[in-house]
Protein backbone atom coordinates (compact mmCIF):
# COMPACT_ATOMS: atom_id res chain seq x y z
CA UNK A 1 -0.04 0.20 0.11
CA UNK A 2 1.67 3.43 -1.30
CA UNK A 3 2.25 6.04 2.10
CA UNK A 4 0.32 9.12 1.22
CA UNK A 5 1.61 10.72 3.85
CA UNK A 6 1.78 14.78 2.91
CA UNK A 7 -0.30 13.89 -0.35
CA UNK A 8 -2.99 15.47 -1.80
CA UNK A 9 -5.65 14.64 0.50
CA UNK A 10 -9.33 15.24 0.47
CA UNK A 11 -12.76 14.18 1.45
CA UNK A 12 -14.13 14.33 -2.41
CA UNK A 13 -13.26 14.65 -5.83
CA UNK A 14 -15.36 15.38 -8.65
CA UNK A 15 -14.45 14.99 -12.10
CA UNK A 16 -15.86 16.72 -14.86
CA UNK A 17 -15.79 21.26 -14.86
CA UNK A 18 -19.86 21.18 -16.85
CA UNK A 19 -22.54 22.39 -14.65
CA UNK A 20 -22.97 19.23 -12.73
CA UNK A 21 -19.39 18.95 -11.42
CA UNK A 22 -19.42 22.51 -10.69
CA UNK A 23 -22.69 22.45 -8.83
CA UNK A 24 -21.85 18.99 -7.46
CA UNK A 25 -18.70 20.37 -6.09
CA UNK A 26 -20.61 24.08 -4.69
CA UNK A 27 -23.08 21.12 -2.78
CA UNK A 28 -20.06 19.39 -1.22
CA UNK A 29 -18.23 22.37 -0.35
CA UNK A 30 -21.33 24.10 1.48
CA UNK A 31 -21.42 21.33 3.67
CA UNK A 32 -18.12 21.31 4.76
CA UNK A 33 -16.39 18.66 2.75
CA UNK A 34 -12.70 19.32 1.08
CA UNK A 35 -13.24 18.96 -2.56
CA UNK A 36 -11.30 19.02 -5.47
CA UNK A 37 -12.67 19.41 -8.80
CA UNK A 38 -10.74 18.44 -11.98
CA UNK A 39 -11.56 18.98 -15.57
CA UNK A 40 -9.72 18.34 -18.41
CA UNK A 41 -9.77 21.34 -20.26
CA UNK A 42 -11.97 24.17 -19.57
CA UNK A 43 -14.81 25.14 -17.72
CA UNK A 44 -18.38 24.53 -19.66
CA UNK A 45 -15.55 22.79 -22.24
CA UNK A 46 -18.54 20.03 -22.99
CA UNK A 47 -22.28 19.81 -23.49
CA UNK A 48 -23.17 22.88 -20.94
CA UNK A 49 -21.79 25.04 -23.78
CA UNK A 50 -23.47 22.93 -26.54
CA UNK A 51 -27.46 23.85 -25.83
CA UNK A 52 -30.32 26.44 -26.33
CA UNK A 53 -29.85 28.29 -23.25
CA UNK A 54 -33.52 27.32 -22.65
CA UNK A 55 -34.69 27.43 -19.40
CA UNK A 56 -36.83 24.56 -19.55
CA UNK A 57 -40.71 25.40 -17.73
CA UNK A 58 -41.16 21.41 -18.46
CA UNK A 59 -43.72 22.17 -20.92
CA UNK A 60 -41.93 20.34 -23.51
CA UNK A 61 -41.78 16.87 -21.82
CA UNK A 62 -45.25 17.00 -19.91
CA UNK A 63 -46.92 14.93 -22.25
CA UNK A 64 -44.20 11.91 -22.28
CA UNK A 65 -42.40 12.46 -18.99
CA UNK A 66 -44.07 13.81 -16.12
CA UNK A 67 -41.28 13.29 -13.32
CA UNK A 68 -39.13 15.45 -16.03
CA UNK A 69 -41.37 17.54 -16.47
CA UNK A 70 -42.09 18.25 -12.75
CA UNK A 71 -38.39 18.68 -11.99
CA UNK A 72 -38.11 21.35 -14.48
CA UNK A 73 -40.69 23.66 -13.15
CA UNK A 74 -39.39 23.20 -9.84
CA UNK A 75 -35.46 24.05 -11.11
CA UNK A 76 -36.82 26.85 -13.31
CA UNK A 77 -37.93 28.46 -10.30
CA UNK A 78 -35.15 27.89 -8.21
CA UNK A 79 -33.09 29.13 -10.72
CA UNK A 80 -34.66 32.44 -10.85
CA UNK A 81 -33.77 32.94 -7.20
CA UNK A 82 -30.60 31.85 -6.66
CA UNK A 83 -29.14 32.53 -10.43
CA UNK A 84 -31.00 35.83 -11.23
CA UNK A 85 -27.99 37.51 -13.18
CA UNK A 86 -27.83 33.95 -15.30
CA UNK A 87 -31.63 33.90 -16.40
CA UNK A 88 -33.74 36.15 -18.30
CA UNK A 89 -37.31 35.26 -17.71
CA UNK A 90 -38.99 35.69 -21.11
CA UNK A 91 -41.93 33.75 -20.92
CA UNK A 92 -42.70 31.06 -23.93
CA UNK A 93 -45.48 30.39 -26.28
CA UNK A 94 -46.37 27.02 -27.84
CA UNK A 95 -47.99 27.59 -30.98
CA UNK A 96 -49.95 25.37 -33.14
CA UNK A 97 -49.53 25.80 -37.19
CA UNK A 98 -51.95 24.86 -39.53
CA UNK A 99 -50.49 21.27 -40.12
CA UNK A 100 -50.81 20.77 -36.25
CA UNK A 101 -53.16 18.65 -34.77
CA UNK A 102 -54.61 21.58 -32.55
CA UNK A 103 -56.48 18.96 -30.07
CA UNK A 104 -53.09 18.28 -28.85
CA UNK A 105 -53.13 21.62 -27.26
CA UNK A 106 -55.99 19.98 -24.63
CA UNK A 107 -53.43 17.34 -23.63
CA UNK A 108 -50.29 18.99 -23.88
CA UNK A 109 -52.39 21.99 -21.35
CA UNK A 110 -53.59 18.95 -18.92
CA UNK A 111 -50.11 16.90 -19.10
CA UNK A 112 -48.51 20.68 -17.73
CA UNK A 113 -50.63 21.54 -14.90
CA UNK A 114 -50.75 18.11 -13.64
CA UNK A 115 -46.86 18.31 -13.29
CA UNK A 116 -47.35 21.57 -12.03
CA UNK A 117 -47.11 23.69 -14.61
CA UNK A 118 -49.10 27.23 -15.08
CA UNK A 119 -50.22 26.57 -18.95
CA UNK A 120 -52.58 29.09 -20.32
CA UNK A 121 -54.63 28.95 -23.78
CA UNK A 122 -54.15 32.46 -25.22
CA UNK A 123 -56.15 33.90 -28.35
CA UNK A 124 -53.84 33.90 -31.26
CA UNK A 125 -54.10 37.36 -31.96
CA UNK A 126 -52.59 37.96 -28.23
CA UNK A 127 -49.70 35.50 -29.09
CA UNK A 128 -48.89 37.77 -32.08
CA UNK A 129 -48.92 41.13 -30.19
CA UNK A 130 -46.63 39.08 -27.00
CA UNK A 131 -44.75 38.13 -29.89
CA UNK A 132 -44.56 39.81 -33.24
CA UNK A 133 -42.31 37.66 -34.93
CA UNK A 134 -44.34 34.39 -34.40
CA UNK A 135 -45.87 32.67 -37.69
CA UNK A 136 -48.84 34.65 -38.51
CA UNK A 137 -50.56 31.85 -39.46
CA UNK A 138 -50.82 30.05 -35.89
CA UNK A 139 -54.17 28.62 -35.08
CA UNK A 140 -53.33 28.06 -31.64
CA UNK A 141 -50.62 29.39 -28.77
CA UNK A 142 -50.57 28.61 -25.04
CA UNK A 143 -48.34 30.50 -22.72
CA UNK A 144 -45.87 29.04 -19.98
CA UNK A 145 -42.94 30.58 -18.09
CA UNK A 146 -40.19 29.37 -20.11
CA UNK A 147 -37.01 31.73 -20.16
CA UNK A 148 -33.35 31.61 -20.95
CA UNK A 149 -30.19 31.05 -19.10
CA UNK A 150 -26.61 31.12 -19.56
CA UNK A 151 -24.92 28.30 -18.73
CA UNK A 152 -21.61 30.11 -19.05
CA UNK A 153 -22.50 32.46 -16.19
CA UNK A 154 -24.00 29.92 -14.52
CA UNK A 155 -21.23 27.44 -14.02
CA UNK A 156 -18.43 29.75 -13.68
CA UNK A 157 -21.07 30.96 -10.36
CA UNK A 158 -20.80 27.37 -9.25
CA UNK A 159 -17.30 27.31 -9.45
CA UNK A 160 -16.57 30.96 -7.45
CA UNK A 161 -18.88 29.82 -4.81
CA UNK A 162 -17.48 26.40 -4.53
CA UNK A 163 -13.99 28.25 -4.10
CA UNK A 164 -15.36 30.75 -1.58
CA UNK A 165 -16.42 27.70 0.32
CA UNK A 166 -13.00 26.31 0.25
CA UNK A 167 -13.06 24.03 -2.58
CA UNK A 168 -10.05 23.98 -4.98
CA UNK A 169 -10.46 24.08 -8.57
CA UNK A 170 -8.11 22.63 -11.62
CA UNK A 171 -8.95 23.41 -15.45
CA UNK A 172 -6.35 21.32 -17.99
CA UNK A 173 -6.18 18.25 -15.28
CA UNK A 174 -7.42 14.83 -17.03
CA UNK A 175 -8.13 11.61 -14.88
CA UNK A 176 -5.60 9.31 -16.47
CA UNK A 177 -6.18 6.70 -13.97
CA UNK A 178 -7.88 5.37 -10.42
CA UNK A 179 -5.72 4.32 -7.56
CA UNK A 180 -6.90 1.59 -6.00
CA UNK A 181 -6.67 -0.48 -2.83
CA UNK A 182 -8.73 -3.90 -3.51
CA UNK A 183 -12.28 -3.19 -4.40
CA UNK A 184 -11.84 0.85 -3.08
CA UNK A 185 -11.49 3.70 -5.10
CA UNK A 186 -8.74 5.85 -2.58
CA UNK A 187 -7.71 8.48 -5.68
CA UNK A 188 -6.88 9.65 -9.30
CA UNK A 189 -3.87 10.12 -11.37
CA UNK A 190 -4.02 13.02 -13.22
CA UNK A 191 -2.18 14.51 -15.98
CA UNK A 192 -1.52 18.28 -16.05
CA UNK A 193 -1.78 19.69 -19.65
CA UNK A 194 0.25 22.35 -19.02
CA UNK A 195 3.18 21.01 -17.38
CA UNK A 196 3.16 17.87 -18.60
CA UNK A 197 3.39 16.44 -15.17
CA UNK A 198 1.22 13.55 -13.44
CA UNK A 199 -0.13 13.77 -10.15
CA UNK A 200 -1.99 11.59 -7.70
CA UNK A 201 -5.21 13.41 -5.50
CA UNK A 202 -6.60 11.21 -2.93
CA UNK A 203 -9.73 10.98 -1.24
CA UNK A 204 -12.40 8.28 0.27
CA UNK A 205 -15.14 9.28 -2.90
CA UNK A 206 -14.94 10.12 -6.60
CA UNK A 207 -18.04 11.31 -8.02
CA UNK A 208 -18.12 10.71 -11.74
CA UNK A 209 -19.91 14.07 -13.49
CA UNK A 210 -18.11 14.18 -16.88
CA UNK A 211 -21.54 13.97 -19.03
CA UNK A 212 -21.10 11.89 -21.86
CA UNK A 213 -17.44 11.52 -21.27
CA UNK A 214 -18.53 9.45 -18.19
CA UNK A 215 -18.28 6.45 -20.28
CA UNK A 216 -14.75 6.71 -20.66
CA UNK A 217 -14.04 7.29 -16.86
CA UNK A 218 -16.21 4.73 -15.63
CA UNK A 219 -14.56 2.46 -18.16
CA UNK A 220 -10.95 3.88 -16.67
CA UNK A 221 -12.07 2.57 -12.76
CA UNK A 222 -12.93 -0.88 -14.39
CA UNK A 223 -16.89 -0.47 -14.38
CA UNK A 224 -19.50 0.23 -17.40
CA UNK A 225 -21.88 2.74 -17.76
CA UNK A 226 -23.93 2.47 -21.51
CA UNK A 227 -23.78 6.06 -22.88
CA UNK A 228 -25.42 6.38 -26.01
CA UNK A 229 -24.69 9.94 -27.94
CA UNK A 230 -27.46 11.53 -29.27
CA UNK A 231 -25.48 14.60 -31.24
CA UNK A 232 -28.13 17.45 -31.38
CA UNK A 233 -26.94 20.32 -34.42
CA UNK A 234 -28.48 24.37 -33.61
CA UNK A 235 -28.05 27.88 -35.57
CA UNK A 236 -27.15 30.93 -34.19
CA UNK A 237 -29.19 34.14 -35.95
CA UNK A 238 -27.42 37.45 -35.73
CA UNK A 239 -30.09 39.43 -33.50
CA UNK A 240 -32.85 38.78 -31.56
CA UNK A 241 -35.42 38.09 -33.56
CA UNK A 242 -38.47 36.88 -30.36
CA UNK A 243 -38.14 38.04 -27.47
CA UNK A 244 -40.66 35.49 -25.72
CA UNK A 245 -39.39 31.86 -26.17
CA UNK A 246 -40.85 29.83 -29.28
CA UNK A 247 -41.74 26.45 -29.01
CA UNK A 248 -44.03 24.31 -31.75
CA UNK A 249 -47.02 22.50 -30.01
CA UNK A 250 -46.63 19.19 -30.88
CA UNK A 251 -44.49 16.10 -30.30
CA UNK A 252 -40.88 16.77 -29.88
CA UNK A 253 -39.35 17.27 -33.24
CA UNK A 254 -36.40 18.83 -34.80
CA UNK A 255 -36.15 22.49 -35.05
CA UNK A 256 -39.32 23.48 -32.82
CA UNK A 257 -37.57 25.46 -30.13
CA UNK A 258 -36.50 29.57 -30.76
CA UNK A 259 -34.67 30.58 -27.45
CA UNK A 260 -33.69 34.69 -27.36
CA UNK A 261 -30.34 35.28 -25.38
CA UNK A 262 -28.08 38.59 -24.95
CA UNK A 263 -28.08 39.68 -28.40
CA UNK A 264 -28.61 36.70 -30.41
CA UNK A 265 -31.18 33.83 -30.93
CA UNK A 266 -30.86 30.08 -31.38
CA UNK A 267 -32.99 27.60 -32.87
CA UNK A 268 -32.77 23.83 -32.25
CA UNK A 269 -32.08 21.31 -31.94
CA UNK A 270 -31.73 17.86 -34.32
CA UNK A 271 -31.39 14.32 -32.51
CA UNK A 272 -29.07 11.74 -34.22
CA UNK A 273 -27.44 9.01 -32.77
CA UNK A 274 -23.47 8.75 -33.02
CA UNK A 275 -20.34 6.09 -32.57
CA UNK A 276 -18.94 7.05 -29.41
CA UNK A 277 -15.39 7.85 -30.72
CA UNK A 278 -16.99 11.10 -32.74
CA UNK A 279 -17.95 12.76 -29.34
CA UNK A 280 -14.67 15.08 -29.65
CA UNK A 281 -15.11 15.66 -33.65
CA UNK A 282 -18.74 16.53 -34.34
CA UNK A 283 -19.69 18.56 -37.13
CA UNK A 284 -22.98 19.84 -38.28
CA UNK A 285 -24.39 18.68 -42.04
CA UNK A 286 -25.28 20.46 -44.71
CA UNK A 287 -28.78 18.67 -44.30
CA UNK A 288 -29.09 19.30 -40.22
CA UNK A 289 -28.62 23.58 -41.54
CA UNK A 290 -31.43 22.76 -44.36
CA UNK A 291 -34.04 21.45 -41.53
CA UNK A 292 -32.85 24.06 -38.67
CA UNK A 293 -33.91 26.81 -41.69
CA UNK A 294 -36.80 25.11 -43.11
CA UNK A 295 -38.17 24.08 -39.64
CA UNK A 296 -37.29 27.72 -37.58
CA UNK A 297 -38.88 29.65 -40.60
CA UNK A 298 -41.86 27.81 -39.72
CA UNK A 299 -41.80 29.07 -35.96
CA UNK A 300 -40.52 32.77 -37.21
CA UNK A 301 -41.00 33.87 -40.87
CA UNK A 302 -38.21 36.41 -40.74
CA UNK A 303 -35.48 34.24 -39.93
CA UNK A 304 -35.43 33.52 -43.83
CA UNK A 305 -33.79 37.08 -43.97
CA UNK A 306 -31.41 36.95 -40.93
CA UNK A 307 -27.96 36.50 -40.86
CA UNK A 308 -26.91 33.17 -39.61
CA UNK A 309 -23.94 33.75 -37.86
CA UNK A 310 -22.86 30.11 -36.68
CA UNK A 311 -23.65 26.46 -36.96
CA UNK A 312 -22.51 24.23 -33.26
CA UNK A 313 -23.74 20.76 -31.84
CA UNK A 314 -23.44 19.12 -28.61
CA UNK A 315 -23.85 15.77 -27.36
CA UNK A 316 -27.03 14.54 -24.64
CA UNK A 317 -25.70 12.05 -22.25
CA UNK A 318 -28.38 9.49 -22.75
CA UNK A 319 -28.18 6.07 -20.22
CA UNK A 320 -29.24 2.94 -21.23
CA UNK A 321 -30.66 0.89 -18.79
CA UNK A 322 -27.91 -1.47 -17.26
CA UNK A 323 -30.78 -4.70 -18.71
CA UNK A 324 -31.04 -2.80 -21.86
CA UNK A 325 -27.55 -2.86 -23.48
CA UNK A 326 -28.84 -2.60 -26.88
CA UNK A 327 -29.86 1.10 -26.18
CA UNK A 328 -33.64 0.59 -27.31
CA UNK A 329 -34.75 1.95 -24.03
CA UNK A 330 -32.88 5.02 -23.21
CA UNK A 331 -33.40 7.28 -20.31
CA UNK A 332 -33.65 11.00 -20.24
CA UNK A 333 -33.99 11.51 -16.63
CA UNK A 334 -31.33 11.54 -14.33
CA UNK A 335 -29.01 8.55 -13.31
CA UNK A 336 -27.24 8.39 -10.30
CA UNK A 337 -25.20 4.85 -10.20
CA UNK A 338 -23.47 4.03 -6.74
CA UNK A 339 -20.72 1.86 -7.75
CA UNK A 340 -20.63 -0.29 -4.35
CA UNK A 341 -23.93 -1.41 -5.01
CA UNK A 342 -23.61 -2.01 -8.52
CA UNK A 343 -20.59 -3.54 -9.29
CA UNK A 344 -18.93 -4.46 -5.74
CA UNK A 345 -16.46 -0.86 -6.60
CA UNK A 346 -16.53 1.04 -3.61
CA UNK A 347 -15.91 4.93 -3.38
CA UNK A 348 -16.75 5.50 -6.86
CA UNK A 349 -20.13 7.29 -8.09
CA UNK A 350 -21.41 8.09 -11.47
CA UNK A 351 -23.69 11.50 -11.67
CA UNK A 352 -25.04 11.50 -15.70
CA UNK A 353 -28.28 11.39 -17.59
CA UNK A 354 -30.71 15.12 -17.14
CA UNK A 355 -30.25 18.43 -18.39
CA UNK A 356 -28.87 21.77 -17.99
CA UNK A 357 -32.24 22.93 -16.58
CA UNK A 358 -31.70 19.89 -13.76
CA UNK A 359 -27.67 20.31 -13.21
CA UNK A 360 -28.64 21.55 -9.27
CA UNK A 361 -30.54 18.57 -8.45
CA UNK A 362 -28.17 16.18 -10.12
CA UNK A 363 -25.87 17.79 -7.48
CA UNK A 364 -28.12 17.35 -4.80
CA UNK A 365 -28.57 13.92 -5.59
CA UNK A 366 -24.63 13.10 -5.60
CA UNK A 367 -23.98 15.10 -2.40
CA UNK A 368 -26.09 13.54 -0.91
CA UNK A 369 -24.77 10.36 -1.70
CA UNK A 370 -21.60 11.36 -0.93
CA UNK A 371 -22.43 12.61 2.80
CA UNK A 372 -24.02 9.23 3.01
CA UNK A 373 -20.90 7.15 2.23
CA UNK A 374 -19.05 9.92 4.39
CA UNK A 375 -21.34 9.82 7.76
CA UNK A 376 -21.59 13.45 7.27
CA UNK A 377 -25.28 14.29 8.06
CA UNK A 378 -25.12 17.76 6.60
CA UNK A 379 -28.13 19.03 4.51
CA UNK A 380 -28.35 20.69 0.96
CA UNK A 381 -28.96 24.64 1.03
CA UNK A 382 -28.22 25.21 -2.72
CA UNK A 383 -32.03 25.84 -3.80
CA UNK A 384 -31.88 28.58 -1.07
CA UNK A 385 -28.42 30.02 -1.40
CA UNK A 386 -27.94 32.96 -3.97
CA UNK A 387 -25.02 32.59 -6.33
CA UNK A 388 -22.24 34.98 -6.73
CA UNK A 389 -23.38 37.65 -9.23
CA UNK A 390 -27.07 37.35 -7.91
CA UNK A 391 -26.69 38.63 -4.16
CA UNK A 392 -27.72 41.85 -4.22
CA UNK A 393 -27.78 45.53 -5.99
CA UNK A 394 -24.76 46.52 -7.81
CA UNK A 395 -22.51 48.45 -6.49
CA UNK A 396 -21.51 51.35 -9.12
CA UNK A 397 -18.09 52.96 -8.51
CA UNK A 398 -18.43 55.84 -10.81
CA UNK A 399 -20.56 58.21 -9.32
CA UNK A 400 -21.09 60.07 -12.23
CA UNK A 401 -22.84 56.99 -13.22
CA UNK A 402 -25.25 56.37 -10.25
CA UNK A 403 -28.64 57.65 -11.87
CA UNK A 404 -27.90 57.25 -15.45
CA UNK A 405 -25.52 53.90 -15.81
CA UNK A 406 -23.87 53.73 -19.00
CA UNK A 407 -24.51 50.58 -21.16
CA UNK A 408 -21.37 49.24 -21.06
CA UNK A 409 -21.68 49.25 -17.48
CA UNK A 410 -25.26 47.50 -17.83
CA UNK A 411 -23.91 44.67 -19.91
CA UNK A 412 -21.35 44.00 -17.44
CA UNK A 413 -23.26 44.00 -14.53
CA UNK A 414 -25.84 41.75 -16.60
CA UNK A 415 -23.47 39.34 -17.07
CA UNK A 416 -21.56 39.50 -13.83
CA UNK A 417 -24.38 40.90 -11.52
CA UNK A 418 -22.57 42.33 -8.08
CA UNK A 419 -19.36 41.10 -9.27
CA UNK A 420 -18.90 43.82 -11.64
CA UNK A 421 -18.08 45.96 -9.16
CA UNK A 422 -14.88 44.39 -9.15
CA UNK A 423 -14.32 45.07 -12.59
CA UNK A 424 -11.92 48.27 -12.93
CA UNK A 425 -13.14 51.27 -14.36
CA UNK A 426 -10.85 53.65 -12.88
CA UNK A 427 -9.70 55.85 -16.39
CA UNK A 428 -10.27 55.87 -20.45
CA UNK A 429 -8.32 52.65 -21.25
CA UNK A 430 -9.74 50.42 -18.20
CA UNK A 431 -13.37 51.45 -20.29
CA UNK A 432 -12.19 51.20 -23.79
CA UNK A 433 -13.91 48.34 -25.87
CA UNK A 434 -12.56 45.51 -26.42
CA UNK A 435 -15.64 43.69 -28.38
CA UNK A 436 -17.99 46.28 -29.58
CA UNK A 437 -20.76 43.81 -30.46
CA UNK A 438 -21.10 42.89 -26.63
CA UNK A 439 -20.02 45.83 -25.07
CA UNK A 440 -16.49 44.01 -23.53
CA UNK A 441 -13.96 46.69 -22.08
CA UNK A 442 -10.22 46.26 -21.12
CA UNK A 443 -11.18 46.46 -17.33
CA UNK A 444 -13.75 43.07 -17.64
CA UNK A 445 -10.94 40.93 -19.87
CA UNK A 446 -8.11 41.51 -17.02
CA UNK A 447 -11.00 40.32 -14.64
CA UNK A 448 -11.71 37.87 -16.46
CA UNK A 449 -7.86 36.98 -16.51
CA UNK A 450 -7.34 37.54 -13.13
CA UNK A 451 -10.20 35.96 -11.40
CA UNK A 452 -12.23 34.05 -13.49
CA UNK A 453 -9.30 31.45 -14.73
CA UNK A 454 -9.55 32.87 -18.19
CA UNK A 455 -6.25 32.24 -19.78
CA UNK A 456 -6.58 31.78 -23.36
CA UNK A 457 -9.01 33.77 -25.91
CA UNK A 458 -11.72 30.92 -25.84
CA UNK A 459 -11.78 30.87 -22.10
CA UNK A 460 -11.91 34.53 -22.54
CA UNK A 461 -15.17 34.17 -24.58
CA UNK A 462 -17.15 31.74 -22.39
CA UNK A 463 -16.58 33.90 -19.17
CA UNK A 464 -17.39 37.28 -21.03
CA UNK A 465 -18.96 36.74 -24.77
CA UNK A 466 -15.95 38.39 -26.38
CA UNK A 467 -15.91 37.49 -30.14
CA UNK A 468 -19.87 36.06 -29.67
CA UNK A 469 -21.82 38.98 -31.23
CA UNK A 470 -22.25 39.66 -34.52
CA UNK A 471 -18.88 39.82 -35.97
CA UNK A 472 -17.73 36.66 -34.41
CA UNK A 473 -14.61 37.82 -33.40
CA UNK A 474 -13.11 39.31 -36.38
CA UNK A 475 -12.97 43.13 -34.89
CA UNK A 476 -12.23 42.10 -31.17
CA UNK A 477 -9.67 38.99 -31.30
CA UNK A 478 -6.67 41.17 -31.93
CA UNK A 479 -7.35 44.03 -29.25
CA UNK A 480 -8.09 40.63 -26.90
CA UNK A 481 -4.65 38.66 -27.89
CA UNK A 482 -2.43 42.15 -27.72
CA UNK A 483 -3.86 42.05 -23.45
CA UNK A 484 -3.36 38.09 -23.43
CA UNK A 485 0.01 38.64 -24.37
CA UNK A 486 0.45 41.45 -22.01
CA UNK A 487 -1.50 39.58 -18.85
CA UNK A 488 1.43 36.64 -20.21
CA UNK A 489 4.18 38.71 -21.37
CA UNK A 490 4.49 36.41 -23.89
CA UNK A 491 3.85 37.78 -27.55
CA UNK A 492 4.12 34.67 -29.34
CA UNK A 493 1.92 32.46 -26.99
CA UNK A 494 -0.50 35.45 -27.91
CA UNK A 495 -0.43 35.15 -31.18
CA UNK A 496 -0.82 31.02 -31.41
CA UNK A 497 -3.31 31.66 -29.19
CA UNK A 498 -5.45 33.91 -31.96
CA UNK A 499 -4.59 31.47 -34.09
CA UNK A 500 -6.46 28.87 -31.81
CA UNK A 501 -9.89 31.37 -31.40
CA UNK A 502 -10.28 32.40 -35.16
CA UNK A 503 -10.23 28.36 -36.34
CA UNK A 504 -12.48 27.65 -33.62
CA UNK A 505 -14.89 30.38 -34.48
CA UNK A 506 -14.17 29.02 -38.33
CA UNK A 507 -16.03 25.93 -37.24
CA UNK A 508 -18.57 27.84 -36.79
CA UNK A 509 -19.19 29.24 -39.75
CA UNK A 510 -17.93 26.77 -42.03
CA UNK A 511 -21.32 24.78 -42.32
CA UNK A 512 -23.30 27.82 -42.92
CA UNK A 513 -20.67 29.88 -45.39
CA UNK A 514 -22.59 30.22 -48.61
CA UNK A 515 -23.04 34.01 -50.00
CA UNK A 516 -22.52 36.93 -48.21
CA UNK A 517 -21.22 35.02 -45.43
CA UNK A 518 -18.35 32.85 -47.33
CA UNK A 519 -17.30 36.52 -49.08
CA UNK A 520 -16.83 38.10 -45.47
CA UNK A 521 -14.99 34.58 -44.69
CA UNK A 522 -12.43 34.88 -47.20
CA UNK A 523 -11.54 38.76 -46.60
CA UNK A 524 -11.20 38.23 -42.88
CA UNK A 525 -9.07 35.33 -43.68
CA UNK A 526 -7.13 37.47 -46.01
CA UNK A 527 -6.78 40.10 -43.54
CA UNK A 528 -5.37 37.86 -40.83
CA UNK A 529 -3.20 36.06 -43.20
CA UNK A 530 -1.62 39.19 -45.02
CA UNK A 531 -2.31 41.90 -42.85
CA UNK A 532 -1.53 40.15 -39.27
CA UNK A 533 1.03 37.54 -40.46
CA UNK A 534 -1.25 34.63 -38.51
CA UNK A 535 -0.56 32.57 -41.85
CA UNK A 536 2.89 31.54 -40.95
CA UNK A 537 1.99 30.86 -36.90
CA UNK A 538 -0.73 28.67 -38.88
CA UNK A 539 1.83 26.53 -40.55
CA UNK A 540 4.65 26.29 -38.00
């Protein structure tokens, strides 16, 4: 047995830096546990960053999945309280079009009410007044408490709160091996992707919160979780066509949700099973783009003439029942596996399935089991305690703006809540814009570098929305790279990171690159290659 004296010792190790992992780390830390969170790349690198950002009322699941619907509406109301800076309560409409069965509306409303969801049929004319972008040929409409949620802000807020309660969180640390003593997991061996060093960490309980990647993590531990990857493609449009979430009132199908969020709107999603070895290399196909456009225009006809910014895809972590290896019976609900009872492997727990909307509940279930294993009697408080950013009024430093806050400060407060008071705005340089589309200042970029673990331009995008607006980083990426070079005191690293950032942006633009979009992309490539000399960096 290895001598673990003076080794890194914790009460619980959480694997996965998405919403569920971050929420689990927060819950465990709030209950007084010594917590280590490990993420192989950056926070929100997986499915958490690749969804439509819908604050589910649960209505979408009401007819076919009562339990999930009831969970969603409860978590919807909780998130409105504890994560107000991450949530926009837009309301939602489920509309019936002439080709839809209007009788389904009655079934839908009754199912919603049974699950505790407020669902009210309204006159189509009233629906069009509420949301003018909706298809004017609609024959029915039901109003539900949908909204939008920013998964990036939500996850980082959970990370910040976990740290405030003593948790240690590490990015770019990938679990490559489990340390066992007989039939018990006692720790993990990780690879630090930055230093290329291997490190050992120890804890009596390890939680697998890796989402679809939990399949591989479980295999490393010597057990099996039957994951069935379901790819979903989505499109982002260049401005908010709608201010109310639009849904089709029919059985779930492709492209039947249009979600407004910040400065854009998102249509989604498709659903197709893909091989597990493709989950890190997904591509949106022309057929998926065609489906999303055709069906999206039925919800809001103006999408036909609205600029498409990019396409992207995520993978739903669907789990097959243990007694159904064929995958014919797939659960979309929360799956909590105690591998001691299931596989005879003590000290190892998997939390998976579910959805972004129920991340907090998933974390509560996982933490309850961890506490049970550690004989700790502490209750969950995550449903009652606000997250950082949602804990009170914003402190405006500049007294000249006390009455009329600038649009830039409003944007910062929208992203960071009361934590926006930590963003420097002491001079014109701090207040100068790096990204005009999303009103991101030098002060906010520095705040993300110094306090939010943003050490690349992609990470900066996730923390601030830099590069997520109309120009897709075309105008702001170089400015941000300059600040990154200053922060790291290495212009060469910043230049290489700029290439990585632009290539990542291109991946989303490629599937929709035709007409003006293609011409603009070719012009941007010419500018960066010839004027900024990035082509030489890309060829090294």
